[in-house]
N, C-alpha and C. Protein backbone atom coordinates (compact mmCIF):
# COMPACT_ATOMS: atom_id res chain seq x y z
N MET A 1 0.83 -1.18 0.00
CA MET A 1 0.00 0.00 0.00
C MET A 1 0.88 1.25 0.00
N GLU A 2 0.53 2.20 -0.83
CA GLU A 2 1.31 3.43 -0.95
C GLU A 2 0.99 4.39 0.19
N LYS A 3 2.05 5.02 0.75
CA LYS A 3 1.85 5.98 1.83
C LYS A 3 1.15 7.22 1.29
N LYS A 4 0.34 7.84 2.13
CA LYS A 4 -0.40 9.03 1.72
C LYS A 4 0.15 10.30 2.36
N TYR A 5 1.33 10.20 2.96
CA TYR A 5 1.92 11.35 3.61
C TYR A 5 3.44 11.17 3.69
N LEU A 6 4.13 12.27 3.91
CA LEU A 6 5.57 12.21 4.13
C LEU A 6 5.82 11.90 5.60
N SER A 7 6.75 11.02 5.84
CA SER A 7 7.09 10.72 7.23
C SER A 7 7.84 11.90 7.84
N LEU A 8 7.93 11.91 9.14
CA LEU A 8 8.67 12.97 9.84
C LEU A 8 10.12 13.00 9.36
N ASP A 9 10.72 11.84 9.19
CA ASP A 9 12.10 11.76 8.72
C ASP A 9 12.23 12.36 7.31
N GLU A 10 11.28 12.05 6.43
CA GLU A 10 11.32 12.61 5.08
C GLU A 10 11.14 14.13 5.10
N ARG A 11 10.21 14.60 5.92
CA ARG A 11 10.00 16.06 6.02
C ARG A 11 11.23 16.76 6.55
N THR A 12 11.88 16.14 7.53
CA THR A 12 13.09 16.73 8.11
C THR A 12 14.20 16.81 7.06
N THR A 13 14.34 15.75 6.27
CA THR A 13 15.36 15.73 5.22
C THR A 13 15.08 16.80 4.18
N TYR A 14 13.84 16.92 3.73
CA TYR A 14 13.50 17.95 2.75
C TYR A 14 13.68 19.35 3.33
N HIS A 15 13.32 19.54 4.57
CA HIS A 15 13.49 20.85 5.21
C HIS A 15 14.96 21.22 5.27
N SER A 16 15.82 20.27 5.63
CA SER A 16 17.26 20.53 5.68
C SER A 16 17.79 20.89 4.30
N LEU A 17 17.34 20.16 3.29
CA LEU A 17 17.78 20.43 1.92
C LEU A 17 17.35 21.83 1.50
N GLU A 18 16.11 22.19 1.79
CA GLU A 18 15.63 23.53 1.45
C GLU A 18 16.40 24.61 2.20
N ASP A 19 16.74 24.32 3.45
CA ASP A 19 17.48 25.28 4.26
C ASP A 19 18.85 25.56 3.65
N VAL A 20 19.46 24.53 3.08
CA VAL A 20 20.79 24.69 2.51
C VAL A 20 20.73 25.25 1.10
N VAL A 21 20.02 24.62 0.20
CA VAL A 21 20.06 25.04 -1.19
C VAL A 21 18.91 25.97 -1.58
N GLY A 22 18.00 26.22 -0.65
CA GLY A 22 16.91 27.14 -0.93
C GLY A 22 17.36 28.59 -0.95
N CYS A 23 18.47 28.87 -0.34
CA CYS A 23 19.04 30.21 -0.36
C CYS A 23 19.62 30.47 -1.75
N LYS A 24 19.41 31.66 -2.27
CA LYS A 24 19.87 31.93 -3.63
C LYS A 24 21.40 31.92 -3.75
N TRP A 25 22.13 31.98 -2.64
CA TRP A 25 23.58 32.05 -2.70
C TRP A 25 24.26 30.70 -2.52
N SER A 26 23.62 29.76 -1.85
CA SER A 26 24.28 28.50 -1.50
C SER A 26 24.78 27.72 -2.71
N ALA A 27 23.94 27.60 -3.73
CA ALA A 27 24.35 26.84 -4.91
C ALA A 27 25.58 27.47 -5.56
N GLY A 28 25.61 28.79 -5.62
CA GLY A 28 26.76 29.48 -6.19
C GLY A 28 28.03 29.29 -5.38
N VAL A 29 27.90 29.27 -4.06
CA VAL A 29 29.07 29.05 -3.20
C VAL A 29 29.59 27.63 -3.39
N VAL A 30 28.69 26.64 -3.37
CA VAL A 30 29.12 25.25 -3.56
C VAL A 30 29.75 25.07 -4.94
N ALA A 31 29.11 25.60 -5.98
CA ALA A 31 29.65 25.47 -7.34
C ALA A 31 31.02 26.15 -7.46
N SER A 32 31.18 27.30 -6.83
CA SER A 32 32.46 28.02 -6.90
C SER A 32 33.58 27.25 -6.21
N ILE A 33 33.29 26.70 -5.04
CA ILE A 33 34.31 25.89 -4.35
C ILE A 33 34.65 24.66 -5.18
N HIS A 34 33.63 24.08 -5.81
CA HIS A 34 33.84 22.91 -6.68
C HIS A 34 34.75 23.25 -7.86
N LYS A 35 34.68 24.50 -8.32
CA LYS A 35 35.50 24.95 -9.45
C LYS A 35 36.89 25.37 -9.02
N GLY A 36 37.20 25.29 -7.71
CA GLY A 36 38.55 25.57 -7.26
C GLY A 36 38.76 26.91 -6.59
N VAL A 37 37.69 27.62 -6.29
CA VAL A 37 37.79 28.90 -5.59
C VAL A 37 37.62 28.58 -4.11
N HIS A 38 38.70 28.70 -3.32
CA HIS A 38 38.69 28.18 -1.97
C HIS A 38 38.78 29.23 -0.85
N ARG A 39 39.29 30.40 -1.14
CA ARG A 39 39.48 31.39 -0.08
C ARG A 39 38.31 32.37 -0.05
N PRO A 40 37.92 32.83 1.15
CA PRO A 40 36.75 33.71 1.26
C PRO A 40 36.82 34.96 0.38
N GLY A 41 37.95 35.62 0.35
CA GLY A 41 38.08 36.81 -0.49
C GLY A 41 37.91 36.49 -1.97
N GLU A 42 38.45 35.35 -2.39
CA GLU A 42 38.30 34.92 -3.78
C GLU A 42 36.83 34.62 -4.09
N LEU A 43 36.16 33.96 -3.15
CA LEU A 43 34.74 33.65 -3.34
C LEU A 43 33.92 34.92 -3.46
N GLU A 44 34.23 35.90 -2.62
CA GLU A 44 33.49 37.17 -2.65
C GLU A 44 33.66 37.87 -4.00
N ARG A 45 34.86 37.81 -4.56
CA ARG A 45 35.10 38.42 -5.88
C ARG A 45 34.53 37.58 -7.01
N TYR A 46 34.49 36.26 -6.84
CA TYR A 46 34.06 35.33 -7.89
C TYR A 46 32.54 35.30 -8.06
N ILE A 47 31.81 35.54 -6.96
CA ILE A 47 30.35 35.45 -7.00
C ILE A 47 29.78 36.88 -7.03
N PRO A 48 29.33 37.34 -8.19
CA PRO A 48 28.84 38.71 -8.31
C PRO A 48 27.66 38.98 -7.38
N GLY A 49 27.74 40.08 -6.64
CA GLY A 49 26.62 40.53 -5.83
C GLY A 49 26.57 40.00 -4.41
N ILE A 50 27.39 39.03 -4.07
CA ILE A 50 27.34 38.49 -2.71
C ILE A 50 28.12 39.41 -1.78
N SER A 51 27.56 39.65 -0.62
CA SER A 51 28.25 40.50 0.36
C SER A 51 29.10 39.61 1.27
N LYS A 52 30.04 40.23 1.95
CA LYS A 52 30.89 39.49 2.88
C LYS A 52 30.04 38.85 3.98
N LYS A 53 29.03 39.58 4.47
CA LYS A 53 28.15 39.07 5.53
C LYS A 53 27.40 37.82 5.07
N ILE A 54 26.79 37.89 3.91
CA ILE A 54 26.03 36.75 3.38
C ILE A 54 26.96 35.59 3.08
N LEU A 55 28.12 35.86 2.51
CA LEU A 55 29.08 34.80 2.23
C LEU A 55 29.46 34.08 3.52
N ASN A 56 29.77 34.83 4.56
CA ASN A 56 30.15 34.21 5.83
C ASN A 56 29.00 33.39 6.42
N GLU A 57 27.77 33.89 6.31
CA GLU A 57 26.61 33.12 6.79
C GLU A 57 26.46 31.81 6.02
N ARG A 58 26.61 31.88 4.71
CA ARG A 58 26.48 30.67 3.87
C ARG A 58 27.60 29.69 4.17
N LEU A 59 28.81 30.19 4.35
CA LEU A 59 29.93 29.29 4.66
C LEU A 59 29.70 28.58 5.99
N ARG A 60 29.21 29.31 6.98
CA ARG A 60 28.91 28.69 8.28
C ARG A 60 27.81 27.64 8.13
N LYS A 61 26.75 27.96 7.39
CA LYS A 61 25.63 27.05 7.21
C LYS A 61 26.07 25.80 6.45
N LEU A 62 26.81 25.97 5.38
CA LEU A 62 27.28 24.82 4.60
C LEU A 62 28.23 23.95 5.42
N SER A 63 29.02 24.58 6.26
CA SER A 63 29.91 23.84 7.14
C SER A 63 29.12 23.08 8.19
N ALA A 64 28.10 23.72 8.76
CA ALA A 64 27.27 23.07 9.79
C ALA A 64 26.55 21.84 9.23
N TYR A 65 26.20 21.88 7.96
CA TYR A 65 25.53 20.75 7.33
C TYR A 65 26.52 19.71 6.79
N GLY A 66 27.80 19.94 7.00
CA GLY A 66 28.79 18.95 6.58
C GLY A 66 29.06 18.91 5.09
N LEU A 67 28.80 20.03 4.40
CA LEU A 67 29.02 20.07 2.96
C LEU A 67 30.37 20.66 2.59
N ILE A 68 30.92 21.48 3.47
CA ILE A 68 32.26 22.05 3.26
C ILE A 68 33.06 21.91 4.55
N GLU A 69 34.38 21.97 4.39
CA GLU A 69 35.29 21.95 5.54
C GLU A 69 36.13 23.21 5.51
N ARG A 70 36.32 23.78 6.67
CA ARG A 70 37.14 24.98 6.84
C ARG A 70 38.52 24.54 7.31
N THR A 71 39.56 25.02 6.62
CA THR A 71 40.93 24.68 6.97
C THR A 71 41.74 25.96 7.15
N GLU A 72 42.40 26.08 8.29
CA GLU A 72 43.31 27.21 8.50
C GLU A 72 44.68 26.81 8.00
N ILE A 73 45.27 27.65 7.15
CA ILE A 73 46.57 27.40 6.56
C ILE A 73 47.60 28.24 7.33
N PRO A 74 48.47 27.59 8.11
CA PRO A 74 49.43 28.33 8.92
C PRO A 74 50.70 28.67 8.13
N GLU A 75 50.66 29.78 7.43
CA GLU A 75 51.84 30.26 6.72
C GLU A 75 52.28 31.55 7.40
N ALA A 76 53.17 32.29 6.76
CA ALA A 76 53.61 33.56 7.33
C ALA A 76 52.40 34.44 7.63
N VAL A 77 51.48 34.47 6.69
CA VAL A 77 50.21 35.15 6.90
C VAL A 77 49.15 34.05 6.89
N LYS A 78 48.57 33.80 8.05
CA LYS A 78 47.58 32.73 8.17
C LYS A 78 46.36 33.06 7.32
N HIS A 79 45.82 32.03 6.64
CA HIS A 79 44.58 32.23 5.90
C HIS A 79 43.70 30.99 6.00
N VAL A 80 42.47 31.13 5.52
CA VAL A 80 41.48 30.07 5.61
C VAL A 80 41.09 29.63 4.20
N GLU A 81 40.87 28.35 4.04
CA GLU A 81 40.37 27.80 2.79
C GLU A 81 39.18 26.89 3.08
N TYR A 82 38.29 26.80 2.11
CA TYR A 82 37.13 25.91 2.21
C TYR A 82 37.21 24.88 1.09
N HIS A 83 36.88 23.64 1.45
CA HIS A 83 36.86 22.55 0.47
C HIS A 83 35.58 21.75 0.68
N LEU A 84 35.11 21.14 -0.39
CA LEU A 84 33.91 20.32 -0.30
C LEU A 84 34.21 18.99 0.37
N THR A 85 33.28 18.53 1.16
CA THR A 85 33.34 17.18 1.73
C THR A 85 32.83 16.23 0.64
N PRO A 86 32.92 14.93 0.84
CA PRO A 86 32.35 14.00 -0.15
C PRO A 86 30.86 14.28 -0.42
N THR A 87 30.11 14.59 0.63
CA THR A 87 28.69 14.93 0.44
C THR A 87 28.55 16.23 -0.34
N GLY A 88 29.41 17.20 -0.05
CA GLY A 88 29.40 18.46 -0.78
C GLY A 88 29.72 18.27 -2.25
N ARG A 89 30.63 17.35 -2.56
CA ARG A 89 30.95 17.05 -3.97
C ARG A 89 29.74 16.44 -4.68
N LYS A 90 29.01 15.59 -3.98
CA LYS A 90 27.79 15.01 -4.57
C LYS A 90 26.78 16.11 -4.86
N LEU A 91 26.61 17.04 -3.91
CA LEU A 91 25.69 18.15 -4.12
C LEU A 91 26.16 19.01 -5.29
N ALA A 92 27.47 19.25 -5.39
CA ALA A 92 28.00 20.05 -6.50
C ALA A 92 27.70 19.39 -7.84
N ASP A 93 27.78 18.08 -7.90
CA ASP A 93 27.44 17.36 -9.14
C ASP A 93 25.97 17.56 -9.50
N VAL A 94 25.10 17.50 -8.50
CA VAL A 94 23.66 17.71 -8.73
C VAL A 94 23.42 19.15 -9.19
N ILE A 95 24.10 20.11 -8.57
CA ILE A 95 23.96 21.52 -8.97
C ILE A 95 24.40 21.70 -10.42
N GLU A 96 25.48 21.05 -10.81
CA GLU A 96 25.94 21.14 -12.21
C GLU A 96 24.90 20.55 -13.16
N GLN A 97 24.28 19.45 -12.77
CA GLN A 97 23.23 18.85 -13.60
C GLN A 97 22.03 19.79 -13.73
N LEU A 98 21.64 20.42 -12.63
CA LEU A 98 20.53 21.38 -12.67
C LEU A 98 20.88 22.59 -13.53
N HIS A 99 22.13 23.04 -13.43
CA HIS A 99 22.59 24.16 -14.25
C HIS A 99 22.51 23.80 -15.73
N ALA A 100 22.98 22.60 -16.07
CA ALA A 100 22.93 22.15 -17.46
C ALA A 100 21.48 22.04 -17.94
N LEU A 101 20.60 21.54 -17.10
CA LEU A 101 19.18 21.43 -17.45
C LEU A 101 18.59 22.81 -17.70
N GLY A 102 18.93 23.76 -16.84
CA GLY A 102 18.45 25.12 -17.01
C GLY A 102 18.93 25.74 -18.32
N LYS A 103 20.19 25.52 -18.66
CA LYS A 103 20.73 26.06 -19.92
C LYS A 103 20.05 25.38 -21.11
N GLU A 104 19.83 24.09 -20.99
CA GLU A 104 19.20 23.32 -22.08
C GLU A 104 17.78 23.80 -22.36
N HIS A 105 17.11 24.24 -21.32
CA HIS A 105 15.72 24.67 -21.47
C HIS A 105 15.55 26.18 -21.37
N GLY A 106 16.55 26.89 -21.82
CA GLY A 106 16.47 28.34 -21.92
C GLY A 106 16.36 29.07 -20.60
N GLY A 107 17.00 28.56 -19.55
CA GLY A 107 17.03 29.24 -18.28
C GLY A 107 15.86 28.91 -17.38
N MET A 108 14.84 28.27 -17.90
CA MET A 108 13.67 27.85 -17.12
C MET A 108 13.14 28.98 -16.25
N SER A 109 13.05 30.19 -16.79
CA SER A 109 12.59 31.33 -16.00
C SER A 109 11.09 31.23 -15.74
N ALA A 110 10.69 31.77 -14.61
CA ALA A 110 9.26 31.81 -14.26
C ALA A 110 8.55 32.80 -15.16
N ARG A 111 7.34 32.49 -15.50
CA ARG A 111 6.58 33.40 -16.40
C ARG A 111 5.39 33.96 -15.68
């Protein structure tokens, strides 16, 4: 017999997914890190229109969900880099597929 409702576990999973990728900036941050842009200043310059505040919020959120890892690089001038976790790489692949689908169908803009 087919279920007629989403279970609590399913709703929680969908809510978490929406929380992460529902933000207009998250997909761009994940895609940018996937393309090799790892430092916060580089990300800010690479993603048009994102503010430092929003970028930092997204980086914290993506890190909290286990999609990216923050690494401090101890050189003469200490800096931070972000890299995708295995789960983050899977999400980046899905984002690339959605991007390709959007391009294939003329941007899929709302009418």
